[in-house]
C-alpha cells in the first residue's frame, strides 16, 4: 500500500544547505516510522525572493536534493511561493505491505522503550538564534538532525515491532503519550538513560527553554508523574520540542537488547511499558 506524509518548517539553523538537509530528513522520518520505503518526493518551499539572494534558496534545495539522494529517491517536482519567511520541506510518498506497517499503537505491558537519537534540538535551535553556542555544538546538532532514520528502521525490520513513532514537535513525552493512549497502556521513563546533545542541559539551566517545549509540558501536565527529585528544568527537558528526532520504539525486552547491543548501538533503552494506570507516563 502507498503511504504519504508532508512536513515543512522555518529555518532552525543559519546555514541554508544544512537547513535543507534537516528539513528533508525530518520529512522522510514519518515514512521510516511506518516501516515503509520512500519512493519519491516533492519540494515545498516558501522564500522572500525580493529580500534574500536566490543563491540561498538554491542551497536549501540542494541540501534537500542531496538528502533525498541519500535516501535513494528522486525529487520529482514541487511548488514554491513568495513568502516573508523561508520555509522548506517535502511531500514524501512511500510503500509498505499493509500487514507489516508499523503504527503508534500496539505497545504491550512489559515492552522496552528504545530511542535512537539524543534529545535537545529544540533548546539548541533557540540557543542558535540567540548566538549562545559554539560552532562545534551546532555541528553536532546538525549532524543529528540531518541523519536519516533509515538505518535505524532497516535494523528494526527483523523484529516484532509493537509500536513506533518518530520524536518531533510534541517532544519525547508527547509522542510517548500518543503511543500510550493508542495502546491503552502506561509507560515509565528512566531519566538517567536519556541522552542529550552537548550543552543542552546547561542551556536549559540558564533558561533557554523554547515556547514549544513549555507548551508541550503544560499540555501533558495531568498525564505525567515525576519523581520529586527532578527540577523544573529536568522536567522540561523530557518535553523538548524536537526537529528531526529519532525513532521511539516499543518491542520485547529481548529484541530491544539485541537491537541496541548488536545492530544499532547509537540507540538507548530508556524505559518500559506497563499496564494502564492513573497517569500515562512516570519519569523516575
Protein backbone atom coordinates (compact mmCIF):
# COMPACT_ATOMS: atom_id res chain seq x y z
CA UNK A 1 0.00 0.00 0.00
CA UNK A 2 1.03 3.60 -0.56
CA UNK A 3 1.66 5.94 2.37
CA UNK A 4 2.24 9.68 2.18
CA UNK A 5 3.42 12.41 4.52
CA UNK A 6 4.16 16.13 4.35
CA UNK A 7 6.21 18.37 6.63
CA UNK A 8 7.90 21.75 6.32
CA UNK A 9 9.11 24.47 8.70
CA UNK A 10 11.14 27.64 9.08
CA UNK A 11 14.95 27.54 9.47
CA UNK A 12 16.35 26.03 12.67
CA UNK A 13 19.99 26.72 11.73
CA UNK A 14 21.72 29.58 9.91
CA UNK A 15 23.34 27.59 7.10
CA UNK A 16 20.89 27.23 4.15
CA UNK A 17 22.30 23.92 2.93
CA UNK A 18 22.14 22.42 6.43
CA UNK A 19 18.56 23.66 6.76
CA UNK A 20 17.63 21.88 3.52
CA UNK A 21 19.21 18.65 4.73
CA UNK A 22 17.47 18.80 8.11
CA UNK A 23 14.06 19.63 6.65
CA UNK A 24 14.30 16.78 4.15
CA UNK A 25 15.43 14.26 6.80
CA UNK A 26 12.56 15.37 9.01
CA UNK A 27 10.05 14.95 6.18
CA UNK A 28 11.31 11.46 5.39
CA UNK A 29 11.14 10.41 9.04
CA UNK A 30 7.40 9.66 9.10
CA UNK A 31 7.86 7.19 6.23
CA UNK A 32 10.58 5.32 8.14
CA UNK A 33 8.46 5.40 11.31
CA UNK A 34 5.77 3.45 9.45
CA UNK A 35 8.24 0.77 8.36
CA UNK A 36 7.79 1.96 4.76
CA UNK A 37 10.26 2.54 1.94
CA UNK A 38 10.21 6.02 0.37
CA UNK A 39 9.57 6.14 -3.38
CA UNK A 40 9.74 9.82 -4.40
CA UNK A 41 9.23 13.31 -3.03
CA UNK A 42 8.00 16.79 -3.94
CA UNK A 43 9.53 20.06 -2.73
CA UNK A 44 7.53 22.62 -0.77
CA UNK A 45 9.26 25.99 -0.44
CA UNK A 46 8.43 29.49 0.69
CA UNK A 47 11.04 32.19 0.12
CA UNK A 48 11.24 36.02 0.21
CA UNK A 49 12.62 36.27 -3.29
CA UNK A 50 12.97 40.08 -3.21
CA UNK A 51 14.67 40.22 0.19
CA UNK A 52 17.18 37.36 0.14
CA UNK A 53 19.57 36.18 -2.59
CA UNK A 54 18.29 33.42 -4.87
CA UNK A 55 21.52 31.54 -4.18
CA UNK A 56 20.26 30.91 -0.66
CA UNK A 57 17.16 29.15 -1.99
CA UNK A 58 19.39 27.16 -4.33
CA UNK A 59 21.45 25.97 -1.35
CA UNK A 60 18.31 24.96 0.59
CA UNK A 61 17.01 22.95 -2.36
CA UNK A 62 20.42 21.37 -2.92
CA UNK A 63 20.51 20.24 0.69
CA UNK A 64 17.11 18.62 0.27
CA UNK A 65 18.10 17.00 -3.01
CA UNK A 66 21.28 15.55 -1.55
CA UNK A 67 19.39 14.13 1.42
CA UNK A 68 16.76 12.60 -0.88
CA UNK A 69 19.57 11.08 -2.93
CA UNK A 70 21.00 9.58 0.27
CA UNK A 71 17.55 8.07 0.89
CA UNK A 72 17.63 6.61 -2.63
CA UNK A 73 14.70 8.60 -4.04
CA UNK A 74 14.19 11.36 -6.62
CA UNK A 75 12.55 14.72 -6.01
CA UNK A 76 10.20 14.86 -9.00
CA UNK A 77 8.89 18.41 -8.69
CA UNK A 78 7.18 20.61 -6.16
CA UNK A 79 5.83 24.08 -5.54
CA UNK A 80 7.22 27.36 -4.23
CA UNK A 81 5.66 30.66 -3.16
CA UNK A 82 6.98 34.13 -2.40
CA UNK A 83 6.85 34.27 1.40
CA UNK A 84 8.15 36.71 4.01
CA UNK A 85 9.94 33.94 5.91
CA UNK A 86 11.81 30.98 4.38
CA UNK A 87 10.11 27.62 4.71
CA UNK A 88 11.08 24.25 3.27
CA UNK A 89 10.07 20.61 3.41
CA UNK A 90 8.91 17.64 1.38
CA UNK A 91 5.84 15.67 0.46
CA UNK A 92 7.07 12.06 0.54
CA UNK A 93 5.34 9.03 -0.93
CA UNK A 94 6.31 5.58 0.26
CA UNK A 95 5.24 1.96 0.07
CA UNK A 96 4.72 -0.76 2.68
CA UNK A 97 2.83 -4.03 2.96
CA UNK A 98 -0.28 -3.26 4.99
CA UNK A 99 0.32 -6.26 7.27
CA UNK A 100 3.84 -5.01 8.03
CA UNK A 101 3.08 -1.32 8.59
CA UNK A 102 4.19 0.00 11.98
CA UNK A 103 1.75 2.11 13.96
CA UNK A 104 1.99 4.28 17.05
CA UNK A 105 -0.33 1.86 18.84
CA UNK A 106 0.02 -1.77 19.86
CA UNK A 107 2.56 -1.33 22.67
CA UNK A 108 2.25 -4.10 25.27
CA UNK A 109 2.91 -4.19 29.03
CA UNK A 110 6.47 -5.43 29.56
CA UNK A 111 7.79 -3.90 26.33
CA UNK A 112 11.06 -1.99 26.43
CA UNK A 113 11.19 1.53 25.02
CA UNK A 114 14.11 2.34 22.73
CA UNK A 115 15.14 5.78 21.43
CA UNK A 116 17.55 6.13 18.52
CA UNK A 117 18.74 9.77 18.76
CA UNK A 118 19.74 12.14 21.56
CA UNK A 119 17.33 14.87 22.67
CA UNK A 120 17.60 18.64 22.88
CA UNK A 121 17.32 20.02 19.36
CA UNK A 122 14.61 22.50 20.37
CA UNK A 123 16.84 24.02 23.02
CA UNK A 124 19.80 24.03 20.61
CA UNK A 125 17.77 25.83 17.91
CA UNK A 126 16.73 28.50 20.41
CA UNK A 127 20.33 28.94 21.54
CA UNK A 128 21.46 29.30 17.91
CA UNK A 129 19.01 32.19 17.42
CA UNK A 130 20.48 33.88 20.49
CA UNK A 131 24.09 33.23 19.45
CA UNK A 132 24.83 31.32 22.66
CA UNK A 133 26.58 28.14 21.46
CA UNK A 134 29.83 27.23 19.74
CA UNK A 135 30.21 26.02 16.18
CA UNK A 136 31.19 22.59 17.47
CA UNK A 137 27.89 22.20 19.32
CA UNK A 138 25.96 23.47 16.29
CA UNK A 139 27.76 20.98 14.05
CA UNK A 140 26.94 18.08 16.39
CA UNK A 141 23.27 19.09 16.44
CA UNK A 142 23.17 19.47 12.66
CA UNK A 143 24.68 16.01 12.24
CA UNK A 144 21.98 14.53 14.46
CA UNK A 145 19.07 16.40 12.86
CA UNK A 146 20.20 15.69 9.29
CA UNK A 147 20.77 11.98 9.93
CA UNK A 148 18.12 9.84 8.28
CA UNK A 149 16.19 7.35 10.38
CA UNK A 150 16.66 4.87 7.51
CA UNK A 151 19.39 2.74 9.10
CA UNK A 152 17.53 2.52 12.41
CA UNK A 153 14.33 1.50 10.61
CA UNK A 154 16.15 -1.06 8.47
CA UNK A 155 17.72 -2.55 11.59
CA UNK A 156 14.28 -2.98 13.15
CA UNK A 157 12.79 -4.92 10.21
CA UNK A 158 13.69 -8.43 11.50
CA UNK A 159 11.94 -7.85 14.85
CA UNK A 160 8.34 -7.98 16.01
CA UNK A 161 7.72 -4.26 16.43
CA UNK A 162 4.73 -3.38 18.62
CA UNK A 163 4.69 0.42 18.22
CA UNK A 164 6.85 3.13 16.62
CA UNK A 165 6.77 6.90 16.33
CA UNK A 166 9.33 9.50 15.39
CA UNK A 167 10.05 12.14 18.03
CA UNK A 168 9.41 15.61 16.66
CA UNK A 169 7.44 18.68 17.73
CA UNK A 170 5.49 17.10 20.60
CA UNK A 171 8.74 16.05 22.31
CA UNK A 172 9.64 12.67 23.78
CA UNK A 173 6.81 12.55 26.32
CA UNK A 174 4.26 14.00 23.92
CA UNK A 175 4.85 11.30 21.33
CA UNK A 176 5.08 8.63 24.03
CA UNK A 177 1.70 9.80 25.34
CA UNK A 178 0.23 9.16 21.88
CA UNK A 179 1.60 5.61 21.97
CA UNK A 180 0.15 5.07 25.45
CA UNK A 181 -3.28 6.43 24.54
CA UNK A 182 -3.43 4.42 21.33
CA UNK A 183 -2.27 1.25 23.07
CA UNK A 184 -4.27 1.73 26.30
CA UNK A 185 -1.14 1.36 28.42
CA UNK A 186 1.14 3.47 30.61
CA UNK A 187 4.92 3.92 30.49
CA UNK A 188 7.90 4.58 32.71
CA UNK A 189 10.92 6.58 31.54
CA UNK A 190 14.35 6.34 33.21
CA UNK A 191 15.71 9.90 33.14
CA UNK A 192 19.29 8.73 33.73
CA UNK A 193 19.17 6.76 30.46
CA UNK A 194 18.20 9.76 28.32
CA UNK A 195 20.96 11.14 26.10
CA UNK A 196 21.06 14.88 25.41
CA UNK A 197 23.07 16.77 22.82
CA UNK A 198 26.14 18.65 24.14
CA UNK A 199 25.41 21.79 26.19
CA UNK A 200 21.64 21.14 26.26
CA UNK A 201 21.36 20.60 30.00
CA UNK A 202 23.45 23.70 30.82
CA UNK A 203 21.47 25.80 28.34
CA UNK A 204 18.21 24.66 29.90
CA UNK A 205 19.51 25.51 33.38
CA UNK A 206 20.31 29.02 32.12
CA UNK A 207 16.71 29.49 31.00
CA UNK A 208 16.93 28.60 27.29
CA UNK A 209 13.58 26.80 27.03
CA UNK A 210 11.62 27.13 23.75
CA UNK A 211 7.98 28.15 23.84
CA UNK A 212 7.02 24.90 22.12
CA UNK A 213 8.72 22.90 24.87
CA UNK A 214 6.81 24.79 27.56
CA UNK A 215 3.53 24.25 25.69
CA UNK A 216 4.26 20.51 25.46
CA UNK A 217 4.82 20.38 29.21
CA UNK A 218 1.62 22.29 30.02
CA UNK A 219 -0.42 20.10 27.67
CA UNK A 220 0.85 16.92 29.34
CA UNK A 221 0.89 18.12 32.93
CA UNK A 222 -2.06 15.95 34.00
CA UNK A 223 -0.69 12.85 32.22
CA UNK A 224 2.79 12.88 33.77
CA UNK A 225 4.22 11.90 37.16
CA UNK A 226 7.78 12.92 38.03
CA UNK A 227 9.89 11.76 40.92
CA UNK A 228 10.05 14.75 43.31
CA UNK A 229 13.85 14.85 42.97
CA UNK A 230 13.60 16.30 39.45
CA UNK A 231 13.90 20.04 38.92
CA UNK A 232 11.59 22.04 36.64
CA UNK A 233 14.44 22.22 34.14
CA UNK A 234 14.78 18.43 34.01
CA UNK A 235 11.03 18.10 33.53
CA UNK A 236 11.13 20.50 30.60
CA UNK A 237 13.99 18.51 29.05
CA UNK A 238 11.74 15.46 28.67
CA UNK A 239 9.24 17.58 26.71
CA UNK A 240 11.66 19.49 24.48
CA UNK A 241 10.13 20.07 21.04
CA UNK A 242 12.37 18.19 18.61
CA UNK A 243 13.26 18.73 14.98
CA UNK A 244 14.08 15.56 13.03
CA UNK A 245 14.42 13.45 16.17
CA UNK A 246 14.92 9.72 16.42
CA UNK A 247 12.55 6.77 16.45
CA UNK A 248 10.82 5.73 19.67
CA UNK A 249 10.10 2.01 19.60
CA UNK A 250 8.18 -0.42 21.80
CA UNK A 251 9.29 -4.04 21.47
CA UNK A 252 10.06 -7.01 23.67
CA UNK A 253 12.99 -6.64 26.11
CA UNK A 254 14.84 -9.49 24.39
CA UNK A 255 14.55 -7.89 20.96
CA UNK A 256 15.39 -4.45 22.36
CA UNK A 257 18.63 -5.76 23.85
CA UNK A 258 19.69 -7.39 20.58
CA UNK A 259 18.86 -4.22 18.62
CA UNK A 260 20.78 -1.91 20.95
CA UNK A 261 23.73 -4.22 21.65
CA UNK A 262 24.31 -5.72 18.20
CA UNK A 263 22.52 -3.77 15.48
CA UNK A 264 22.14 -0.09 16.34
CA UNK A 265 24.43 0.86 19.25
CA UNK A 266 23.51 4.55 18.92
CA UNK A 267 20.12 3.66 20.43
CA UNK A 268 19.32 3.52 24.15
CA UNK A 269 16.77 1.59 26.19
CA UNK A 270 15.07 4.43 28.06
CA UNK A 271 12.07 2.84 29.77
CA UNK A 272 9.30 0.30 29.59
CA UNK A 273 5.57 -0.12 29.01
CA UNK A 274 3.28 -1.06 31.91
CA UNK A 275 -0.39 -1.73 32.49
CA UNK A 276 -2.57 1.37 32.25
CA UNK A 277 -2.83 3.39 35.45
CA UNK A 278 -3.94 6.85 36.55
CA UNK A 279 -1.02 8.61 34.82
CA UNK A 280 0.12 7.83 31.29
CA UNK A 281 3.81 8.42 31.94
CA UNK A 282 6.01 8.19 35.02
CA UNK A 283 9.55 9.58 34.97
CA UNK A 284 11.96 8.08 37.50
